[in-house]
Amino acid sequence: NGNLVAGNGLQNITPIDNPDDPGDPRGRFNTGVGVGVLNSVTIGYDNVGMGFNALKELTTGHANVGLGLYALQFNTTGSRNIAIGGDALGTNIIGGSNIAVGGGAMNRADDVYYNTAIGENAGINLQGDYNVALGKDALNYIGSSTLNTALGARADIGAADITNATALGADAIVTASNTIQLGSPTVQAVNTSGALTTGEVTYPNVDGSSGQILATDGGG
């Protein structure tokens, strides 16, 4: 039936024999290595679990990868998740299409979708969708949030229900939706060689002559 196990997992697997679809994958093509791995799966398929209790509670989910101690342990019906690292996505139950890489990454997330968290404990408290966290302890604020990006160690949002916000740099905290926070409060200067454009206005990137006044022609 295409299943492979090394350990005591896959005890409840029930491959579906479908005469109308001989290629029906349900209950097939699972790989489990370790004690308790894929121990509850029934008709789930295309799953890979490796490490103590990885994907232990999975029943019908498919195309999940759980590598590491307790990785995706409580996931039951969620599909297309990738968890690499001890406790990664450990309490997710039904959420899907998430990527968590690093010990504790997205550990307390449940019923969330389309998130990416890379780094130790990155996104550990995520309760929203379409978020990206990169760096140790990045995006760890407790609360629902969507479409946010935190890049850097401890980069985060600073309030619940923030949407479409970006925190760039270690300890950068963004506190409002549709906002970009560049750096932490200790950053003293922001440098760029290019011209700065805000909305329809582009500011010069070279110094003018003494006494020259910056003016606009109203044309952007």
Protein backbone atom coordinates (compact mmCIF):
# COMPACT_ATOMS: atom_id res chain seq x y z
CA ASN A 1 0.00 0.00 0.00
CA GLY A 2 2.99 2.28 -0.33
CA ASN A 3 3.41 2.97 3.40
CA LEU A 4 6.74 2.65 5.20
CA VAL A 5 7.23 2.60 8.96
CA ALA A 6 10.20 2.15 11.27
CA GLY A 7 8.83 2.17 14.80
CA ASN A 8 5.35 1.61 16.16
CA GLY A 9 3.41 4.04 13.97
CA LEU A 10 0.84 3.56 11.21
CA GLN A 11 -1.15 1.13 13.38
CA ASN A 12 -4.53 2.48 12.28
CA ILE A 13 -3.89 3.01 8.59
CA THR A 14 -6.86 2.12 6.37
CA PRO A 15 -5.99 2.29 2.68
CA ILE A 16 -9.01 2.97 0.47
CA ASP A 17 -9.66 0.43 -2.28
CA ASN A 18 -11.62 2.45 -4.79
CA PRO A 19 -12.62 0.44 -7.88
CA ASP A 20 -13.60 3.66 -9.63
CA ASP A 21 -10.18 5.19 -8.98
CA PRO A 22 -7.36 2.65 -8.66
CA GLY A 23 -4.97 5.53 -8.03
CA ASP A 24 -6.86 6.80 -4.98
CA PRO A 25 -4.01 7.79 -2.61
CA ARG A 26 -5.99 7.81 0.64
CA GLY A 27 -4.28 5.73 3.31
CA ARG A 28 -1.15 5.32 1.21
CA PHE A 29 2.35 6.67 0.65
CA ASN A 30 3.05 7.60 4.27
CA THR A 31 6.50 7.31 5.83
CA GLY A 32 7.01 7.20 9.59
CA VAL A 33 10.28 6.80 11.45
CA GLY A 34 10.31 6.83 15.25
CA VAL A 35 8.18 5.99 18.26
CA GLY A 36 4.59 7.25 18.00
CA VAL A 37 5.06 8.71 14.54
CA LEU A 38 1.86 8.80 12.46
CA ASN A 39 0.26 6.61 15.11
CA SER A 40 -3.33 7.72 14.45
CA VAL A 41 -3.43 8.13 10.69
CA THR A 42 -6.35 6.41 8.97
CA ILE A 43 -6.78 7.65 5.40
CA GLY A 44 -4.16 10.40 5.42
CA TYR A 45 -1.66 10.16 2.61
CA ASP A 46 1.69 11.48 1.37
CA ASN A 47 2.83 12.31 4.91
CA VAL A 48 6.36 12.06 6.28
CA GLY A 49 7.07 11.97 10.02
CA MET A 50 10.39 11.48 11.75
CA GLY A 51 11.12 11.94 15.45
CA PHE A 52 9.38 11.01 18.69
CA ASN A 53 5.59 11.59 18.35
CA ALA A 54 5.95 13.56 15.13
CA LEU A 55 2.51 13.75 13.46
CA LYS A 56 1.26 11.43 16.18
CA GLU A 57 -2.40 12.55 16.08
CA LEU A 58 -2.76 12.92 12.31
CA THR A 59 -5.84 11.13 10.95
CA THR A 60 -6.89 12.35 7.51
CA GLY A 61 -4.45 15.16 6.64
CA HIS A 62 -2.18 14.80 3.67
CA ALA A 63 1.17 16.03 2.33
CA ASN A 64 2.54 17.00 5.74
CA VAL A 65 6.19 16.82 6.75
CA GLY A 66 7.07 16.69 10.43
CA LEU A 67 10.74 16.24 11.30
CA GLY A 68 11.78 16.52 14.91
CA LEU A 69 10.61 15.76 18.43
CA TYR A 70 6.86 16.51 18.68
CA ALA A 71 6.80 18.21 15.28
CA LEU A 72 3.15 18.58 14.21
CA GLN A 73 2.24 16.27 17.09
CA PHE A 74 -1.39 17.34 17.45
CA ASN A 75 -2.16 18.00 13.80
CA THR A 76 -5.19 15.90 12.86
CA THR A 77 -6.71 17.06 9.57
CA GLY A 78 -4.39 19.89 8.53
CA SER A 79 -2.61 19.38 5.23
CA ARG A 80 0.46 20.64 3.37
CA ASN A 81 2.33 21.72 6.49
CA ILE A 82 6.10 21.55 6.84
CA ALA A 83 7.53 21.49 10.37
CA ILE A 84 11.24 20.98 10.92
CA GLY A 85 12.58 21.20 14.45
CA GLY A 86 11.52 20.08 17.88
CA ASP A 87 7.99 21.27 18.76
CA ALA A 88 7.61 23.05 15.42
CA LEU A 89 3.88 23.53 14.75
CA GLY A 90 3.44 21.24 17.74
CA THR A 91 -0.11 22.30 18.70
CA ASN A 92 -1.55 22.92 15.24
CA ILE A 93 -4.68 20.85 14.76
CA ILE A 94 -6.40 21.77 11.49
CA GLY A 95 -4.32 24.58 9.98
CA GLY A 96 -2.67 24.03 6.63
CA SER A 97 -0.03 25.20 4.18
CA ASN A 98 2.30 26.50 6.90
CA ILE A 99 6.10 26.29 6.99
CA ALA A 100 7.86 26.28 10.37
CA VAL A 101 11.60 25.70 10.57
CA GLY A 102 13.42 25.88 13.89
CA GLY A 103 12.90 24.60 17.39
CA GLY A 104 9.56 25.85 18.69
CA ALA A 105 8.69 27.66 15.47
CA MET A 106 4.91 28.31 15.39
CA ASN A 107 4.61 25.97 18.35
CA ARG A 108 1.35 27.43 19.71
CA ALA A 109 -0.26 28.22 16.36
CA ASP A 110 -3.59 26.50 15.64
CA ASP A 111 -6.06 26.80 12.79
CA VAL A 112 -3.77 29.11 10.82
CA TYR A 113 -2.89 29.03 7.15
CA TYR A 114 -0.18 30.14 4.72
CA ASN A 115 2.36 31.29 7.30
CA THR A 116 6.14 30.97 7.12
CA ALA A 117 8.28 31.07 10.27
CA ILE A 118 12.01 30.38 10.23
CA GLY A 119 14.12 30.61 13.36
CA GLU A 120 14.03 29.38 16.93
CA ASN A 121 10.58 30.16 18.39
CA ALA A 122 9.73 32.28 15.36
CA GLY A 123 5.99 32.91 15.17
CA ILE A 124 5.48 30.85 18.30
CA ASN A 125 2.15 32.58 19.14
CA LEU A 126 0.84 33.16 15.62
CA GLN A 127 -2.95 33.21 15.38
CA GLY A 128 -3.41 34.70 11.91
CA ASP A 129 -2.76 33.89 8.27
CA TYR A 130 -0.34 34.94 5.53
CA ASN A 131 2.43 36.05 7.89
CA VAL A 132 6.21 35.77 7.49
CA ALA A 133 8.62 35.61 10.44
CA LEU A 134 12.37 35.26 9.94
CA GLY A 135 14.72 35.29 12.90
CA LYS A 136 14.85 34.06 16.48
CA ASP A 137 11.67 35.06 18.35
CA ALA A 138 10.39 37.03 15.35
CA LEU A 139 6.65 37.80 15.22
CA ASN A 140 5.84 36.43 18.66
CA TYR A 141 3.12 38.89 19.69
CA ILE A 142 0.08 37.09 21.11
CA GLY A 143 -2.95 37.98 19.00
CA SER A 144 -4.57 37.60 15.62
CA SER A 145 -2.69 39.22 12.76
CA THR A 146 -2.58 38.78 8.99
CA LEU A 147 -0.34 39.71 6.09
CA ASN A 148 2.52 40.83 8.34
CA THR A 149 6.27 40.45 7.88
CA ALA A 150 8.93 40.48 10.60
CA LEU A 151 12.57 40.09 9.59
CA GLY A 152 15.22 40.03 12.29
CA ALA A 153 15.67 38.69 15.79
CA ARG A 154 12.70 39.75 17.94
CA ALA A 155 11.22 41.84 15.12
CA ASP A 156 7.50 41.97 15.84
CA ILE A 157 4.17 43.71 15.78
CA GLY A 158 3.20 45.72 18.84
CA ALA A 159 -0.58 45.30 18.96
CA ALA A 160 -3.28 42.77 18.13
CA ASP A 161 -5.21 42.67 14.86
CA ILE A 162 -2.50 44.45 12.87
CA THR A 163 -2.64 43.86 9.11
CA ASN A 164 -0.19 44.44 6.27
CA ALA A 165 2.62 45.70 8.52
CA THR A 166 6.35 45.14 8.21
CA ALA A 167 9.10 45.19 10.85
CA LEU A 168 12.64 45.17 9.47
CA GLY A 169 15.67 44.65 11.66
CA ALA A 170 16.45 43.23 15.07
CA ASP A 171 14.01 44.50 17.73
CA ALA A 172 11.99 46.49 15.21
CA ILE A 173 8.38 46.79 16.44
CA VAL A 174 5.60 47.98 14.12
CA THR A 175 2.50 49.24 15.93
CA ALA A 176 -0.01 50.11 13.21
CA SER A 177 -1.50 48.44 10.15
CA ASN A 178 -0.23 49.35 6.68
CA THR A 179 3.04 50.60 8.20
CA ILE A 180 6.73 49.76 7.84
CA GLN A 181 9.04 50.04 10.86
CA LEU A 182 12.69 50.18 9.80
CA GLY A 183 14.99 49.26 12.65
CA SER A 184 14.76 49.47 16.42
CA PRO A 185 14.69 52.66 18.54
CA THR A 186 18.49 52.48 18.77
CA VAL A 187 18.93 53.03 15.02
CA GLN A 188 20.39 56.53 14.57
CA ALA A 189 20.38 56.98 10.79
CA VAL A 190 18.90 55.52 7.61
CA ASN A 191 21.13 55.73 4.54
CA THR A 192 20.37 55.21 0.87
CA SER A 193 22.17 56.14 -2.35
CA GLY A 194 19.00 56.36 -4.41
CA ALA A 195 16.42 59.12 -4.60
CA LEU A 196 13.50 58.91 -2.18
CA THR A 197 10.00 58.75 -3.65
CA THR A 198 6.94 59.11 -1.45
CA GLY A 199 3.63 58.92 -3.26
CA GLU A 200 4.04 61.06 -6.40
CA VAL A 201 6.95 63.14 -5.09
CA THR A 202 10.62 62.25 -5.67
CA TYR A 203 13.19 64.08 -3.56
CA PRO A 204 16.70 64.82 -4.88
CA ASN A 205 19.58 62.70 -3.65
CA VAL A 206 22.31 65.32 -4.20
CA ASP A 207 23.02 68.51 -2.29
CA GLY A 208 21.97 71.78 -3.90
CA SER A 209 23.80 75.10 -3.85
CA SER A 210 23.94 77.42 -0.86
CA GLY A 211 20.65 79.21 -0.27
CA GLN A 212 18.77 77.07 -2.79
CA ILE A 213 15.14 76.35 -1.89
CA LEU A 214 13.49 73.02 -2.65
CA ALA A 215 10.34 73.66 -4.68
CA THR A 216 7.77 71.62 -6.59
CA ASP A 217 6.39 72.07 -10.08
CA GLY A 218 3.15 70.31 -9.09
CA GLY A 219 3.89 67.55 -11.58
CA GLY A 220 5.19 64.95 -9.15
